[in-house]
Amino acid sequence: MNIPWWHDFYDEALEAVLLDSPSEEDNLAQARALMTLLDLKPGARVLDQCCGNGRLSLPLARLGCEVLGIDLATGYIAKAEARARCEGLSARFEVQDALTWSATPPRQAVINMWTSFGYSDDDAVNRQMLQRAFDSLEAGGLFLLDTLNLPGVLHHFRPRMENRVTTADGELHLERLTRLNWERGLMLKDWIYTLPDGSRRVKHSSTRLYLPHNISALLRDCGFVDLKICGELDGSPLSMDSLRLIILARRPV
């Protein structure tokens, strides 16, 4: 049986390059934007699907939310738990699969950030994550999905990107090579790491290419209503230049 690529994709190298924000203020600003868009008040119960190392879960908790974060990456969850415990935050973290796990008791809001959706080339599998979000919400609760805006990504398509970060062990370099498989409707990436010791590591990922109306249809199939599409967390309209697609959807009362 083949193990899906995302089960062992997220490691310390990727965390250092993409998940460790250089500014806690930026994270806090995004958390405030989320609370405004979701109309959340301190004490609100929030589920962060695919929370990573707690980059947004922890700021939400600092703003007064009761946060539950889940992720498959055991190392990320351990770090998030340690930070929450150290700060005495109302946040807890569990190693869970967002395709199969839903929260009990239900939450007032569920968030799924930074293109954690659409990893399978099977729409039925991707739909499971949206259904688990629906199942995790109380009546009237809101789901916020942050993913790729396909028109914007194609408009600004870059087949090669580089990142360099300085770690405690030295410089870490990441080269990302991206290609599009139109027949299968996938964005395929090769992630080529050069580690501080000079060794190389190569990983691969794929993301399903959805237009906004395709994701909207999947959300409605799950039972969501009152969909709202934005281009940024500030609620600004979606455009051809938007790299992000923000969709708000409500579980019916």
C-alpha atoms as a PDB file:
ATOM      1  CA  MET A   1       0.000   0.000   0.000  1.00  0.00           C
ATOM      2  CA  ASN A   2       1.389   3.393  -1.025  1.00  0.00           C
ATOM      3  CA  ILE A   3       1.673   5.985   1.738  1.00  0.00           C
ATOM      4  CA  PRO A   4       0.286   9.373   0.605  1.00  0.00           C
ATOM      5  CA  TRP A   5       3.073  11.892  -0.008  1.00  0.00           C
ATOM      6  CA  TRP A   6       1.877  14.272   2.703  1.00  0.00           C
ATOM      7  CA  HIS A   7       2.313  11.738   5.513  1.00  0.00           C
ATOM      8  CA  ASP A   8       6.083  12.241   5.735  1.00  0.00           C
ATOM      9  CA  PHE A   9       6.503  15.504   3.828  1.00  0.00           C
ATOM     10  CA  TYR A  10       6.467  17.970   6.717  1.00  0.00           C
ATOM     11  CA  ASP A  11       9.791  17.928   8.546  1.00  0.00           C
ATOM     12  CA  GLU A  12      12.163  20.329  10.308  1.00  0.00           C
ATOM     13  CA  ALA A  13      13.685  21.542   7.046  1.00  0.00           C
ATOM     14  CA  LEU A  14      10.342  22.683   5.636  1.00  0.00           C
ATOM     15  CA  GLU A  15       9.422  24.159   9.014  1.00  0.00           C
ATOM     16  CA  ALA A  16      12.579  26.270   9.063  1.00  0.00           C
ATOM     17  CA  VAL A  17      12.027  27.573   5.530  1.00  0.00           C
ATOM     18  CA  LEU A  18       8.267  28.132   5.398  1.00  0.00           C
ATOM     19  CA  LEU A  19       6.604  27.760   8.811  1.00  0.00           C
ATOM     20  CA  ASP A  20       8.892  29.670  11.161  1.00  0.00           C
ATOM     21  CA  SER A  21       7.650  33.229  10.733  1.00  0.00           C
ATOM     22  CA  PRO A  22      10.291  35.920  11.242  1.00  0.00           C
ATOM     23  CA  SER A  23       7.683  38.115  12.942  1.00  0.00           C
ATOM     24  CA  GLU A  24       5.302  37.152  15.731  1.00  0.00           C
ATOM     25  CA  GLU A  25       3.559  40.466  15.064  1.00  0.00           C
ATOM     26  CA  ASP A  26       2.688  39.291  11.550  1.00  0.00           C
ATOM     27  CA  ASN A  27       1.201  36.095  12.990  1.00  0.00           C
ATOM     28  CA  LEU A  28      -0.789  38.095  15.534  1.00  0.00           C
ATOM     29  CA  ALA A  29      -2.058  40.414  12.794  1.00  0.00           C
ATOM     30  CA  GLN A  30      -3.266  37.426  10.771  1.00  0.00           C
ATOM     31  CA  ALA A  31      -4.960  35.984  13.845  1.00  0.00           C
ATOM     32  CA  ARG A  32      -6.757  39.307  14.424  1.00  0.00           C
ATOM     33  CA  ALA A  33      -7.869  39.326  10.767  1.00  0.00           C
ATOM     34  CA  LEU A  34      -9.222  35.808  11.166  1.00  0.00           C
ATOM     35  CA  MET A  35     -11.176  36.774  14.267  1.00  0.00           C
ATOM     36  CA  THR A  36     -12.669  39.775  12.444  1.00  0.00           C
ATOM     37  CA  LEU A  37     -13.602  37.782   9.339  1.00  0.00           C
ATOM     38  CA  LEU A  38     -15.112  34.973  11.431  1.00  0.00           C
ATOM     39  CA  ASP A  39     -16.694  37.406  13.911  1.00  0.00           C
ATOM     40  CA  LEU A  40     -15.055  35.639  16.847  1.00  0.00           C
ATOM     41  CA  LYS A  41     -14.885  36.946  20.396  1.00  0.00           C
ATOM     42  CA  PRO A  42     -12.529  35.880  23.206  1.00  0.00           C
ATOM     43  CA  GLY A  43     -13.638  32.486  24.467  1.00  0.00           C
ATOM     44  CA  ALA A  44     -14.653  31.254  21.014  1.00  0.00           C
ATOM     45  CA  ARG A  45     -13.893  27.578  20.382  1.00  0.00           C
ATOM     46  CA  VAL A  46     -11.786  27.170  17.229  1.00  0.00           C
ATOM     47  CA  LEU A  47     -10.437  24.119  15.411  1.00  0.00           C
ATOM     48  CA  ASP A  48      -7.284  24.630  13.355  1.00  0.00           C
ATOM     49  CA  GLN A  49      -7.141  21.828  10.780  1.00  0.00           C
ATOM     50  CA  CYS A  50      -3.561  21.053   9.705  1.00  0.00           C
ATOM     51  CA  CYS A  51      -2.187  23.493  12.274  1.00  0.00           C
ATOM     52  CA  GLY A  52       1.499  22.780  11.663  1.00  0.00           C
ATOM     53  CA  ASN A  53       3.670  24.085  14.492  1.00  0.00           C
ATOM     54  CA  GLY A  54       0.889  26.316  15.830  1.00  0.00           C
ATOM     55  CA  ARG A  55       1.836  29.394  13.820  1.00  0.00           C
ATOM     56  CA  LEU A  56      -1.775  30.650  13.915  1.00  0.00           C
ATOM     57  CA  SER A  57      -3.241  28.506  16.698  1.00  0.00           C
ATOM     58  CA  LEU A  58      -0.976  30.102  19.300  1.00  0.00           C
ATOM     59  CA  PRO A  59      -1.715  33.750  18.347  1.00  0.00           C
ATOM     60  CA  LEU A  60      -5.446  32.942  18.316  1.00  0.00           C
ATOM     61  CA  ALA A  61      -5.076  31.563  21.830  1.00  0.00           C
ATOM     62  CA  ARG A  62      -3.168  34.684  22.895  1.00  0.00           C
ATOM     63  CA  LEU A  63      -6.169  36.708  21.691  1.00  0.00           C
ATOM     64  CA  GLY A  64      -8.459  34.680  23.944  1.00  0.00           C
ATOM     65  CA  CYS A  65      -9.756  31.855  21.738  1.00  0.00           C
ATOM     66  CA  GLU A  66      -9.955  28.277  22.983  1.00  0.00           C
ATOM     67  CA  VAL A  67      -8.004  26.552  20.230  1.00  0.00           C
ATOM     68  CA  LEU A  68      -7.636  22.920  19.277  1.00  0.00           C
ATOM     69  CA  GLY A  69      -4.989  22.270  16.627  1.00  0.00           C
ATOM     70  CA  ILE A  70      -4.540  18.998  14.758  1.00  0.00           C
ATOM     71  CA  ASP A  71      -1.829  17.839  12.383  1.00  0.00           C
ATOM     72  CA  LEU A  72      -0.193  14.628  11.176  1.00  0.00           C
ATOM     73  CA  ALA A  73       3.333  15.946  11.874  1.00  0.00           C
ATOM     74  CA  THR A  74       4.200  14.634  15.337  1.00  0.00           C
ATOM     75  CA  GLY A  75       7.193  16.966  15.700  1.00  0.00           C
ATOM     76  CA  TYR A  76       5.137  20.057  14.900  1.00  0.00           C
ATOM     77  CA  ILE A  77       2.456  19.085  17.404  1.00  0.00           C
ATOM     78  CA  ALA A  78       5.061  18.526  20.131  1.00  0.00           C
ATOM     79  CA  LYS A  79       6.517  22.010  19.561  1.00  0.00           C
ATOM     80  CA  ALA A  80       3.090  23.666  19.568  1.00  0.00           C
ATOM     81  CA  GLU A  81       2.129  21.860  22.770  1.00  0.00           C
ATOM     82  CA  ALA A  82       5.355  22.924  24.478  1.00  0.00           C
ATOM     83  CA  ARG A  83       4.889  26.577  23.558  1.00  0.00           C
ATOM     84  CA  ALA A  84       1.253  26.606  24.657  1.00  0.00           C
ATOM     85  CA  ARG A  85       2.189  24.999  27.970  1.00  0.00           C
ATOM     86  CA  CYS A  86       5.077  27.433  28.511  1.00  0.00           C
ATOM     87  CA  GLU A  87       2.794  30.439  27.922  1.00  0.00           C
ATOM     88  CA  GLY A  88      -0.165  29.001  29.824  1.00  0.00           C
ATOM     89  CA  LEU A  89      -2.407  29.372  26.776  1.00  0.00           C
ATOM     90  CA  SER A  90      -5.882  27.925  26.310  1.00  0.00           C
ATOM     91  CA  ALA A  91      -4.742  25.746  23.412  1.00  0.00           C
ATOM     92  CA  ARG A  92      -4.216  22.045  22.980  1.00  0.00           C
ATOM     93  CA  PHE A  93      -2.834  20.010  20.134  1.00  0.00           C
ATOM     94  CA  GLU A  94      -3.337  16.466  18.877  1.00  0.00           C
ATOM     95  CA  VAL A  95      -1.803  14.268  16.189  1.00  0.00           C
ATOM     96  CA  GLN A  96      -4.833  13.577  14.003  1.00  0.00           C
ATOM     97  CA  ASP A  97      -5.686  13.150  10.318  1.00  0.00           C
ATOM     98  CA  ALA A  98      -7.955  15.970   9.107  1.00  0.00           C
ATOM     99  CA  LEU A  99      -9.357  13.642   6.431  1.00  0.00           C
ATOM    100  CA  THR A 100     -10.891  11.326   9.009  1.00  0.00           C
ATOM    101  CA  TRP A 101     -11.118  13.185  12.339  1.00  0.00           C
ATOM    102  CA  SER A 102     -13.750  15.663  13.549  1.00  0.00           C
ATOM    103  CA  ALA A 103     -13.971  17.617  16.799  1.00  0.00           C
ATOM    104  CA  THR A 104     -16.200  16.722  19.729  1.00  0.00           C
ATOM    105  CA  PRO A 105     -17.805  18.822  21.111  1.00  0.00           C
ATOM    106  CA  PRO A 106     -18.310  20.950  17.999  1.00  0.00           C
ATOM    107  CA  ARG A 107     -16.584  24.307  17.507  1.00  0.00           C
ATOM    108  CA  GLN A 108     -17.820  27.773  16.631  1.00  0.00           C
ATOM    109  CA  ALA A 109     -15.237  28.042  13.852  1.00  0.00           C
ATOM    110  CA  VAL A 110     -12.883  25.840  11.852  1.00  0.00           C
ATOM    111  CA  ILE A 111      -9.922  27.172   9.883  1.00  0.00           C
ATOM    112  CA  ASN A 112      -7.816  25.460   7.219  1.00  0.00           C
ATOM    113  CA  MET A 113      -4.899  27.672   6.207  1.00  0.00           C
ATOM    114  CA  TRP A 114      -2.043  27.906   3.697  1.00  0.00           C
ATOM    115  CA  THR A 115      -3.158  25.361   1.115  1.00  0.00           C
ATOM    116  CA  SER A 116      -3.554  22.379   3.418  1.00  0.00           C
ATOM    117  CA  PHE A 117      -6.430  21.247   1.179  1.00  0.00           C
ATOM    118  CA  GLY A 118      -6.399  19.457  -2.174  1.00  0.00           C
ATOM    119  CA  TYR A 119      -3.440  17.118  -1.756  1.00  0.00           C
ATOM    120  CA  SER A 120      -5.086  14.146  -3.459  1.00  0.00           C
ATOM    121  CA  ASP A 121      -5.861  13.805  -7.161  1.00  0.00           C
ATOM    122  CA  ASP A 122      -9.138  12.182  -6.059  1.00  0.00           C
ATOM    123  CA  ASP A 123     -11.883  14.761  -5.423  1.00  0.00           C
ATOM    124  CA  ALA A 124     -13.675  12.342  -3.111  1.00  0.00           C
ATOM    125  CA  VAL A 125     -10.635  12.211  -0.823  1.00  0.00           C
ATOM    126  CA  ASN A 126     -10.244  15.993  -0.765  1.00  0.00           C
ATOM    127  CA  ARG A 127     -13.939  16.368  -0.020  1.00  0.00           C
ATOM    128  CA  GLN A 128     -13.464  14.313   3.156  1.00  0.00           C
ATOM    129  CA  MET A 129     -11.462  17.145   4.739  1.00  0.00           C
ATOM    130  CA  LEU A 130     -14.260  19.618   4.028  1.00  0.00           C
ATOM    131  CA  GLN A 131     -16.804  17.177   5.436  1.00  0.00           C
ATOM    132  CA  ARG A 132     -14.776  16.773   8.635  1.00  0.00           C
ATOM    133  CA  ALA A 133     -14.767  20.563   8.978  1.00  0.00           C
ATOM    134  CA  PHE A 134     -18.559  20.583   8.601  1.00  0.00           C
ATOM    135  CA  ASP A 135     -18.893  17.798  11.176  1.00  0.00           C
ATOM    136  CA  SER A 136     -16.682  19.756  13.603  1.00  0.00           C
ATOM    137  CA  LEU A 137     -18.908  22.852  13.572  1.00  0.00           C
ATOM    138  CA  GLU A 138     -21.850  23.673  15.773  1.00  0.00           C
ATOM    139  CA  ALA A 139     -25.033  24.869  14.046  1.00  0.00           C
ATOM    140  CA  GLY A 140     -24.380  28.295  12.539  1.00  0.00           C
ATOM    141  CA  GLY A 141     -20.595  27.893  12.843  1.00  0.00           C
ATOM    142  CA  LEU A 142     -18.209  29.169  10.163  1.00  0.00           C
ATOM    143  CA  PHE A 143     -15.490  27.424   8.176  1.00  0.00           C
ATOM    144  CA  LEU A 144     -12.661  29.408   6.613  1.00  0.00           C
ATOM    145  CA  LEU A 145     -10.619  27.786   3.847  1.00  0.00           C
ATOM    146  CA  ASP A 146      -7.431  29.465   2.607  1.00  0.00           C
ATOM    147  CA  THR A 147      -6.030  27.882  -0.548  1.00  0.00           C
ATOM    148  CA  LEU A 148      -4.599  28.645  -3.997  1.00  0.00           C
ATOM    149  CA  ASN A 149      -6.476  30.952  -6.318  1.00  0.00           C
ATOM    150  CA  LEU A 150      -5.832  29.112  -9.567  1.00  0.00           C
ATOM    151  CA  PRO A 151      -6.319  32.110 -11.935  1.00  0.00           C
ATOM    152  CA  GLY A 152      -3.901  34.209  -9.863  1.00  0.00           C
ATOM    153  CA  VAL A 153      -1.338  31.421  -9.575  1.00  0.00           C
ATOM    154  CA  LEU A 154      -1.399  30.860 -13.337  1.00  0.00           C
ATOM    155  CA  HIS A 155      -1.217  34.601 -13.972  1.00  0.00           C
ATOM    156  CA  HIS A 156       1.933  34.857 -11.850  1.00  0.00           C
ATOM    157  CA  PHE A 157       3.274  31.369 -12.535  1.00  0.00           C
ATOM    158  CA  ARG A 158       6.896  30.809 -11.516  1.00  0.00           C
ATOM    159  CA  PRO A 159       8.404  27.434 -12.445  1.00  0.00           C
ATOM    160  CA  ARG A 160      11.332  27.916 -10.057  1.00  0.00           C
ATOM    161  CA  MET A 161      11.568  29.509  -6.613  1.00  0.00           C
ATOM    162  CA  GLU A 162      14.368  29.660  -4.051  1.00  0.00           C
ATOM    163  CA  ASN A 163      14.459  30.183  -0.295  1.00  0.00           C
ATOM    164  CA  ARG A 164      17.485  30.541   1.946  1.00  0.00           C
ATOM    165  CA  VAL A 165      17.354  30.671   5.736  1.00  0.00           C
ATOM    166  CA  THR A 166      20.021  30.713   8.403  1.00  0.00           C
ATOM    167  CA  THR A 167      19.572  28.062  11.072  1.00  0.00           C
ATOM    168  CA  ALA A 168      21.562  27.243  14.189  1.00  0.00           C
ATOM    169  CA  ASP A 169      23.508  24.717  12.081  1.00  0.00           C
ATOM    170  CA  GLY A 170      24.125  27.026   9.112  1.00  0.00           C
ATOM    171  CA  GLU A 171      22.397  27.994   5.867  1.00  0.00           C
ATOM    172  CA  LEU A 172      19.488  25.920   4.563  1.00  0.00           C
ATOM    173  CA  HIS A 173      18.602  26.266   0.887  1.00  0.00           C
ATOM    174  CA  LEU A 174      15.362  25.184  -0.771  1.00  0.00           C
ATOM    175  CA  GLU A 175      14.774  25.105  -4.520  1.00  0.00           C
ATOM    176  CA  ARG A 176      11.183  24.483  -5.668  1.00  0.00           C
ATOM    177  CA  LEU A 177      10.552  23.346  -9.230  1.00  0.00           C
ATOM    178  CA  THR A 178       6.898  23.527 -10.296  1.00  0.00           C
ATOM    179  CA  ARG A 179       5.140  22.074 -13.310  1.00  0.00           C
ATOM    180  CA  LEU A 180       1.507  21.693 -14.278  1.00  0.00           C
ATOM    181  CA  ASN A 181      -0.092  18.434 -15.349  1.00  0.00           C
ATOM    182  CA  TRP A 182      -3.133  19.586 -17.307  1.00  0.00           C
ATOM    183  CA  GLU A 183      -4.368  16.083 -18.053  1.00  0.00           C
ATOM    184  CA  ARG A 184      -4.631  15.190 -14.351  1.00  0.00           C
ATOM    185  CA  GLY A 185      -5.345  18.733 -13.115  1.00  0.00           C
ATOM    186  CA  LEU A 186      -2.371  18.865 -10.731  1.00  0.00           C
ATOM    187  CA  MET A 187       0.376  21.233  -9.682  1.00  0.00           C
ATOM    188  CA  LEU A 188       3.469  19.082  -9.147  1.00  0.00           C
ATOM    189  CA  LYS A 189       6.502  20.277  -7.193  1.00  0.00           C
ATOM    190  CA  ASP A 190      10.001  18.994  -6.581  1.00  0.00           C
ATOM    191  CA  TRP A 191      11.419  20.284  -3.279  1.00  0.00           C
ATOM    192  CA  ILE A 192      15.220  20.176  -3.384  1.00  0.00           C
ATOM    193  CA  TYR A 193      16.858  20.920  -0.042  1.00  0.00           C
ATOM    194  CA  THR A 194      20.544  21.598   0.470  1.00  0.00           C
ATOM    195  CA  LEU A 195      21.144  21.132   4.184  1.00  0.00           C
ATOM    196  CA  PRO A 196      23.772  22.989   6.244  1.00  0.00           C
ATOM    197  CA  ASP A 197      26.093  19.957   6.102  1.00  0.00           C
ATOM    198  CA  GLY A 198      25.998  20.057   2.294  1.00  0.00           C
ATOM    199  CA  SER A 199      23.780  17.001   1.858  1.00  0.00           C
ATOM    200  CA  ARG A 200      20.749  17.116  -0.431  1.00  0.00           C
ATOM    201  CA  ARG A 201      17.217  15.896   0.134  1.00  0.00           C
ATOM    202  CA  VAL A 202      14.467  15.776  -2.491  1.00  0.00           C
ATOM    203  CA  LYS A 203      10.741  15.545  -1.806  1.00  0.00           C
ATOM    204  CA  HIS A 204       7.698  15.748  -4.042  1.00  0.00           C
ATOM    205  CA  SER A 205       4.202  17.162  -3.651  1.00  0.00           C
ATOM    206  CA  SER A 206       1.038  17.576  -5.678  1.00  0.00           C
ATOM    207  CA  THR A 207      -1.940  19.900  -5.324  1.00  0.00           C
ATOM    208  CA  ARG A 208      -5.248  19.548  -7.132  1.00  0.00           C
ATOM    209  CA  LEU A 209      -6.061  22.493  -9.394  1.00  0.00           C
ATOM    210  CA  TYR A 210      -9.502  23.828  -8.481  1.00  0.00           C
ATOM    211  CA  LEU A 211     -11.248  26.926  -9.728  1.00  0.00           C
ATOM    212  CA  PRO A 212     -13.230  28.789  -7.045  1.00  0.00           C
ATOM    213  CA  HIS A 213     -16.564  27.434  -8.253  1.00  0.00           C
ATOM    214  CA  ASN A 214     -15.230  23.842  -8.072  1.00  0.00           C
ATOM    215  CA  ILE A 215     -14.407  24.218  -4.370  1.00  0.00           C
ATOM    216  CA  SER A 216     -17.709  25.986  -3.770  1.00  0.00           C
ATOM    217  CA  ALA A 217     -19.524  22.981  -5.246  1.00  0.00           C
ATOM    218  CA  LEU A 218     -17.608  20.602  -2.955  1.00  0.00           C
ATOM    219  CA  LEU A 219     -18.495  22.734   0.066  1.00  0.00           C
ATOM    220  CA  ARG A 220     -22.192  22.780  -0.860  1.00  0.00           C
ATOM    221  CA  ASP A 221     -22.090  18.996  -1.328  1.00  0.00           C
ATOM    222  CA  CYS A 222     -20.929  18.767   2.298  1.00  0.00           C
ATOM    223  CA  GLY A 223     -23.926  20.822   3.449  1.00  0.00           C
ATOM    224  CA  PHE A 224     -22.373  24.285   3.739  1.00  0.00           C
ATOM    225  CA  VAL A 225     -24.425  27.386   2.929  1.00  0.00           C
ATOM    226  CA  ASP A 226     -23.907  31.169   2.730  1.00  0.00           C
ATOM    227  CA  LEU A 227     -20.595  30.929   0.888  1.00  0.00           C
ATOM    228  CA  LYS A 228     -18.507  34.082   0.617  1.00  0.00           C
ATOM    229  CA  ILE A 229     -15.390  34.339  -1.558  1.00  0.00           C
ATOM    230  CA  CYS A 230     -12.538  36.767  -0.801  1.00  0.00           C
ATOM    231  CA  GLY A 231      -9.011  37.381  -2.029  1.00  0.00           C
ATOM    232  CA  GLU A 232      -7.439  38.293   1.313  1.00  0.00           C
ATOM    233  CA  LEU A 233      -8.044  37.852   5.026  1.00  0.00           C
ATOM    234  CA  ASP A 234      -9.149  41.492   5.179  1.00  0.00           C
ATOM    235  CA  GLY A 235     -12.222  40.471   3.167  1.00  0.00           C
ATOM    236  CA  SER A 236     -11.164  42.222  -0.050  1.00  0.00           C
ATOM    237  CA  PRO A 237     -12.674  40.857  -3.285  1.00  0.00           C
ATOM    238  CA  LEU A 238     -11.079  38.041  -5.261  1.00  0.00           C
ATOM    239  CA  SER A 239      -9.370  39.112  -8.492  1.00  0.00           C
ATOM    240  CA  MET A 240      -7.203  37.661 -11.259  1.00  0.00           C
ATOM    241  CA  ASP A 241      -4.168  38.964  -9.356  1.00  0.00           C
ATOM    242  CA  SER A 242      -5.128  37.287  -6.061  1.00  0.00           C
ATOM    243  CA  LEU A 243      -2.733  34.481  -5.194  1.00  0.00           C
ATOM    244  CA  ARG A 244      -4.930  33.324  -2.318  1.00  0.00           C
ATOM    245  CA  LEU A 245      -8.537  32.163  -2.331  1.00  0.00           C
ATOM    246  CA  ILE A 246     -10.416  32.668   0.937  1.00  0.00           C
ATOM    247  CA  ILE A 247     -13.811  30.961   1.188  1.00  0.00           C
ATOM    248  CA  LEU A 248     -16.156  31.390   4.147  1.00  0.00           C
ATOM    249  CA  ALA A 249     -18.928  28.842   4.529  1.00  0.00           C
ATOM    250  CA  ARG A 250     -21.541  28.301   7.230  1.00  0.00           C
ATOM    251  CA  ARG A 251     -23.065  25.175   8.744  1.00  0.00           C
ATOM    252  CA  PRO A 252     -26.840  25.750   8.683  1.00  0.00           C
ATOM    253  CA  VAL A 253     -28.620  26.588  11.917  1.00  0.00           C
END
